N, C-alpha and C. Protein backbone atom coordinates (compact mmCIF):
# COMPACT_ATOMS: atom_id res chain seq x y z
N ASN A 1 -21.00 -5.30 13.34
CA ASN A 1 -20.19 -6.45 13.44
C ASN A 1 -21.15 -7.50 12.96
N LYS A 2 -22.06 -7.32 12.66
CA LYS A 2 -23.03 -8.50 12.60
C LYS A 2 -22.18 -9.86 11.58
N TYR A 3 -21.26 -8.97 10.66
CA TYR A 3 -20.96 -10.18 10.15
C TYR A 3 -19.43 -10.21 10.54
N GLY A 4 -19.40 -9.86 12.12
CA GLY A 4 -18.17 -10.45 12.18
C GLY A 4 -16.58 -9.19 11.70
N GLN A 5 -17.36 -8.01 10.64
CA GLN A 5 -16.41 -7.37 9.84
C GLN A 5 -15.26 -6.41 10.23
N LEU A 6 -15.42 -6.83 11.86
CA LEU A 6 -14.15 -6.09 12.84
C LEU A 6 -13.03 -7.17 12.88
N GLY A 7 -13.07 -8.38 12.35
CA GLY A 7 -12.44 -9.09 12.91
C GLY A 7 -11.92 -9.70 14.55
N LEU A 8 -13.04 -9.31 15.34
CA LEU A 8 -12.63 -9.75 16.80
C LEU A 8 -12.88 -11.00 17.54
N GLY A 9 -13.38 -11.91 15.86
CA GLY A 9 -13.91 -13.58 16.85
C GLY A 9 -15.01 -13.46 17.44
N HIS A 10 -16.50 -12.83 16.77
CA HIS A 10 -17.85 -12.79 17.48
C HIS A 10 -18.30 -12.03 16.67
N ASN A 11 -19.19 -11.99 16.34
CA ASN A 11 -20.21 -10.77 15.60
C ASN A 11 -21.53 -10.12 16.74
N ASN A 12 -20.90 -9.48 18.07
CA ASN A 12 -21.70 -8.75 18.22
C ASN A 12 -22.11 -7.22 17.63
N ARG A 13 -23.65 -7.42 17.58
CA ARG A 13 -23.58 -6.42 16.69
C ARG A 13 -23.17 -5.19 17.52
N LEU A 14 -22.97 -4.29 18.55
CA LEU A 14 -22.69 -3.31 19.44
C LEU A 14 -21.18 -3.56 19.74
N VAL A 15 -20.39 -2.87 19.43
CA VAL A 15 -19.07 -2.90 20.04
C VAL A 15 -18.46 -1.08 20.38
N GLU A 16 -18.69 -0.88 21.04
CA GLU A 16 -18.61 0.57 21.75
C GLU A 16 -17.13 1.00 21.87
N ARG A 17 -15.82 0.27 21.59
CA ARG A 17 -14.69 1.38 21.47
C ARG A 17 -13.69 0.45 20.91
N PRO A 18 -12.81 1.03 19.71
CA PRO A 18 -11.64 0.08 19.67
C PRO A 18 -10.99 -1.08 20.26
N GLU A 19 -10.95 -1.71 19.64
CA GLU A 19 -10.29 -3.11 19.91
C GLU A 19 -9.17 -3.69 18.93
N ARG A 20 -8.01 -3.76 19.64
CA ARG A 20 -7.23 -4.77 18.79
C ARG A 20 -7.63 -6.19 18.56
N VAL A 21 -7.10 -6.41 16.71
CA VAL A 21 -7.84 -7.14 16.19
C VAL A 21 -6.49 -8.81 16.82
N GLY A 22 -6.86 -9.56 17.79
CA GLY A 22 -6.32 -10.12 18.90
C GLY A 22 -5.28 -11.30 17.78
N GLU A 23 -6.09 -11.46 16.76
CA GLU A 23 -5.23 -12.86 15.87
C GLU A 23 -4.50 -12.27 15.05
N LEU A 24 -4.81 -11.04 14.78
CA LEU A 24 -3.52 -10.69 13.69
C LEU A 24 -2.39 -10.07 14.60
N ALA A 25 -2.50 -10.07 15.84
CA ALA A 25 -1.48 -9.74 16.99
C ALA A 25 -0.58 -11.06 17.23
N ALA A 26 -1.09 -12.10 17.57
CA ALA A 26 -0.44 -13.26 17.62
C ALA A 26 -0.23 -13.92 16.71
N LEU A 27 -0.73 -13.74 15.11
CA LEU A 27 0.70 -14.30 14.35
C LEU A 27 1.57 -12.52 14.23
N GLY A 28 1.82 -12.24 14.95
CA GLY A 28 3.03 -10.86 14.94
C GLY A 28 2.56 -9.91 13.87
N GLU A 29 1.67 -9.79 12.82
CA GLU A 29 1.10 -8.44 12.04
C GLU A 29 1.05 -7.86 12.58
N LYS A 30 1.64 -6.44 12.28
CA LYS A 30 0.40 -5.63 12.32
C LYS A 30 0.72 -4.73 11.24
N ALA A 31 -0.84 -4.14 11.35
CA ALA A 31 -1.35 -3.56 10.16
C ALA A 31 -0.65 -2.18 9.87
N VAL A 32 -0.73 -1.95 8.67
CA VAL A 32 -0.26 -0.89 7.86
C VAL A 32 -1.40 0.49 7.25
N LYS A 33 -2.65 -0.63 6.62
CA LYS A 33 -3.58 0.24 6.35
C LYS A 33 -5.24 -1.08 6.35
N VAL A 34 -5.67 -0.30 6.40
CA VAL A 34 -7.16 -0.76 6.80
C VAL A 34 -8.02 -0.18 5.66
N ALA A 35 -9.18 -0.81 5.11
CA ALA A 35 -10.35 -0.80 4.32
C ALA A 35 -11.54 -1.14 5.02
N CYS A 36 -12.39 -0.42 4.50
CA CYS A 36 -13.50 -1.10 6.00
C CYS A 36 -15.06 -0.88 4.65
N GLY A 37 -15.98 -1.38 4.26
CA GLY A 37 -16.70 -2.01 4.08
C GLY A 37 -18.28 -1.72 4.79
N VAL A 38 -19.18 -2.15 4.15
CA VAL A 38 -20.40 -2.14 5.58
C VAL A 38 -20.57 -3.85 5.81
N HIS A 39 -19.74 -4.77 4.92
CA HIS A 39 -20.10 -6.23 5.26
C HIS A 39 -18.86 -6.78 5.71
N HIS A 40 -17.80 -6.01 5.20
CA HIS A 40 -16.24 -6.45 5.29
C HIS A 40 -15.32 -5.82 5.68
N SER A 41 -13.95 -6.07 6.28
CA SER A 41 -12.67 -5.04 6.24
C SER A 41 -11.62 -6.02 5.20
N LEU A 42 -10.70 -5.43 5.08
CA LEU A 42 -9.46 -5.69 4.56
C LEU A 42 -8.35 -5.21 5.05
N VAL A 43 -7.37 -5.83 6.04
CA VAL A 43 -6.16 -5.20 6.11
C VAL A 43 -4.99 -5.61 5.27
N LEU A 44 -4.18 -4.76 5.40
CA LEU A 44 -2.74 -5.05 4.43
C LEU A 44 -1.92 -4.70 5.68
N CYS A 45 -1.03 -5.52 6.18
CA CYS A 45 0.22 -5.65 6.96
C CYS A 45 1.47 -5.10 6.86
N LEU A 46 2.40 -5.06 7.37
CA LEU A 46 3.64 -4.60 7.44
C LEU A 46 4.17 -5.69 6.66
N SER A 47 4.17 -7.50 6.94
CA SER A 47 4.80 -8.35 5.87
C SER A 47 4.12 -8.53 4.59
N GLY A 48 3.10 -7.51 4.44
CA GLY A 48 2.98 -7.28 2.85
C GLY A 48 1.29 -8.34 2.65
N ARG A 49 1.42 -8.96 3.77
CA ARG A 49 -0.28 -10.10 3.49
C ARG A 49 -1.18 -9.71 3.85
N VAL A 50 -2.22 -9.78 3.26
CA VAL A 50 -3.49 -8.85 2.82
C VAL A 50 -4.25 -10.21 4.14
N TYR A 51 -5.27 -9.26 5.06
CA TYR A 51 -6.46 -9.82 5.70
C TYR A 51 -7.66 -9.95 5.23
N ALA A 52 -8.61 -10.66 5.57
CA ALA A 52 -10.05 -10.05 5.24
C ALA A 52 -10.86 -10.87 6.41
N PHE A 53 -11.75 -10.06 6.90
CA PHE A 53 -13.01 -10.84 7.96
C PHE A 53 -14.41 -10.39 7.34
N GLY A 54 -15.37 -10.77 7.50
CA GLY A 54 -16.75 -10.70 6.90
C GLY A 54 -17.59 -11.19 6.53
N TYR A 55 -18.62 -10.73 5.56
CA TYR A 55 -19.45 -11.21 5.45
C TYR A 55 -18.86 -12.15 3.79
N GLY A 56 -18.24 -13.20 3.83
CA GLY A 56 -17.96 -14.22 2.81
C GLY A 56 -18.08 -13.94 1.17
N GLU A 57 -19.35 -13.56 1.06
CA GLU A 57 -19.70 -13.41 -0.36
C GLU A 57 -19.08 -11.74 -0.63
N CYS A 58 -18.88 -11.02 0.42
CA CYS A 58 -18.34 -9.87 -0.09
C CYS A 58 -16.53 -9.96 0.13
N LEU A 59 -16.22 -11.11 0.60
CA LEU A 59 -14.89 -11.03 0.09
C LEU A 59 -14.48 -11.78 -0.94
N GLY A 60 -15.46 -12.67 -1.23
CA GLY A 60 -14.80 -13.36 -2.63
C GLY A 60 -13.63 -13.46 -3.33
N ILE A 61 -12.54 -13.05 -2.84
CA ILE A 61 -11.21 -13.28 -3.47
C ILE A 61 -10.78 -14.35 -2.35
N GLY A 62 -10.24 -15.62 -2.78
CA GLY A 62 -9.18 -16.32 -2.38
C GLY A 62 -9.71 -17.19 -1.44
N GLU A 63 -10.91 -16.89 -1.61
CA GLU A 63 -12.06 -17.71 0.07
C GLU A 63 -13.17 -18.46 -0.36
N VAL A 64 -12.92 -20.06 -0.35
CA VAL A 64 -14.01 -21.21 -0.62
C VAL A 64 -15.23 -20.67 -0.33
N SER A 65 -15.24 -20.35 0.96
CA SER A 65 -16.42 -20.30 1.75
C SER A 65 -16.93 -18.91 1.66
N MET A 66 -18.23 -18.98 1.47
CA MET A 66 -19.17 -17.76 1.45
C MET A 66 -19.60 -17.17 3.30
N ASP A 67 -19.44 -18.42 4.00
CA ASP A 67 -20.05 -17.97 5.37
C ASP A 67 -19.24 -16.45 5.87
N ALA A 68 -19.95 -15.80 6.85
CA ALA A 68 -18.94 -15.17 7.19
C ALA A 68 -17.58 -14.97 8.23
N ARG A 69 -16.86 -14.59 8.45
CA ARG A 69 -16.13 -14.91 9.33
C ARG A 69 -15.03 -13.40 10.47
N SER A 70 -15.62 -13.66 11.39
CA SER A 70 -15.70 -13.21 12.19
C SER A 70 -14.18 -12.97 12.62
N THR A 71 -13.14 -13.80 12.22
CA THR A 71 -11.55 -14.24 12.53
C THR A 71 -10.85 -13.86 11.22
N PRO A 72 -9.59 -12.97 11.33
CA PRO A 72 -8.97 -12.69 9.93
C PRO A 72 -8.78 -13.98 9.17
N VAL A 73 -8.88 -13.86 7.72
CA VAL A 73 -8.58 -15.16 6.73
C VAL A 73 -7.74 -14.42 5.55
N LEU A 74 -6.59 -15.05 6.03
CA LEU A 74 -5.32 -14.80 4.72
C LEU A 74 -6.00 -14.88 3.43
N LEU A 75 -5.88 -13.95 2.68
CA LEU A 75 -6.38 -13.69 1.22
C LEU A 75 -5.26 -14.50 0.19
N GLU A 76 -5.24 -15.30 0.06
CA GLU A 76 -3.79 -16.25 -0.60
C GLU A 76 -3.83 -15.68 -1.96
N ALA A 77 -4.68 -15.17 -2.62
CA ALA A 77 -5.00 -15.13 -3.79
C ALA A 77 -4.07 -13.62 -3.96
N LEU A 78 -4.15 -12.80 -2.78
CA LEU A 78 -3.12 -11.87 -3.18
C LEU A 78 -1.71 -11.85 -2.71
N ASN A 79 -1.62 -12.37 -1.90
CA ASN A 79 -0.44 -13.07 -1.07
C ASN A 79 0.72 -14.02 -2.26
N GLU A 80 0.50 -14.00 -3.44
CA GLU A 80 1.50 -14.76 -3.82
C GLU A 80 2.51 -14.18 -4.67
């Protein structure tokens, strides 16, 4: 989780147990599919929206900043 790729709002390296991605829940989103890479993750929600978190350079699509993001970023290019 060095780059926030778990979407938990922090980049603590050690996460010992599964945790809910609070920001997705706060948005009323429910994950239906998850794809995880070494430095980033993507989540497809029941709404059809796609969110990403982790190392920005790996995200690439629809994200202006290349900074690491530890909270969900809506990928606009995939949600048009």
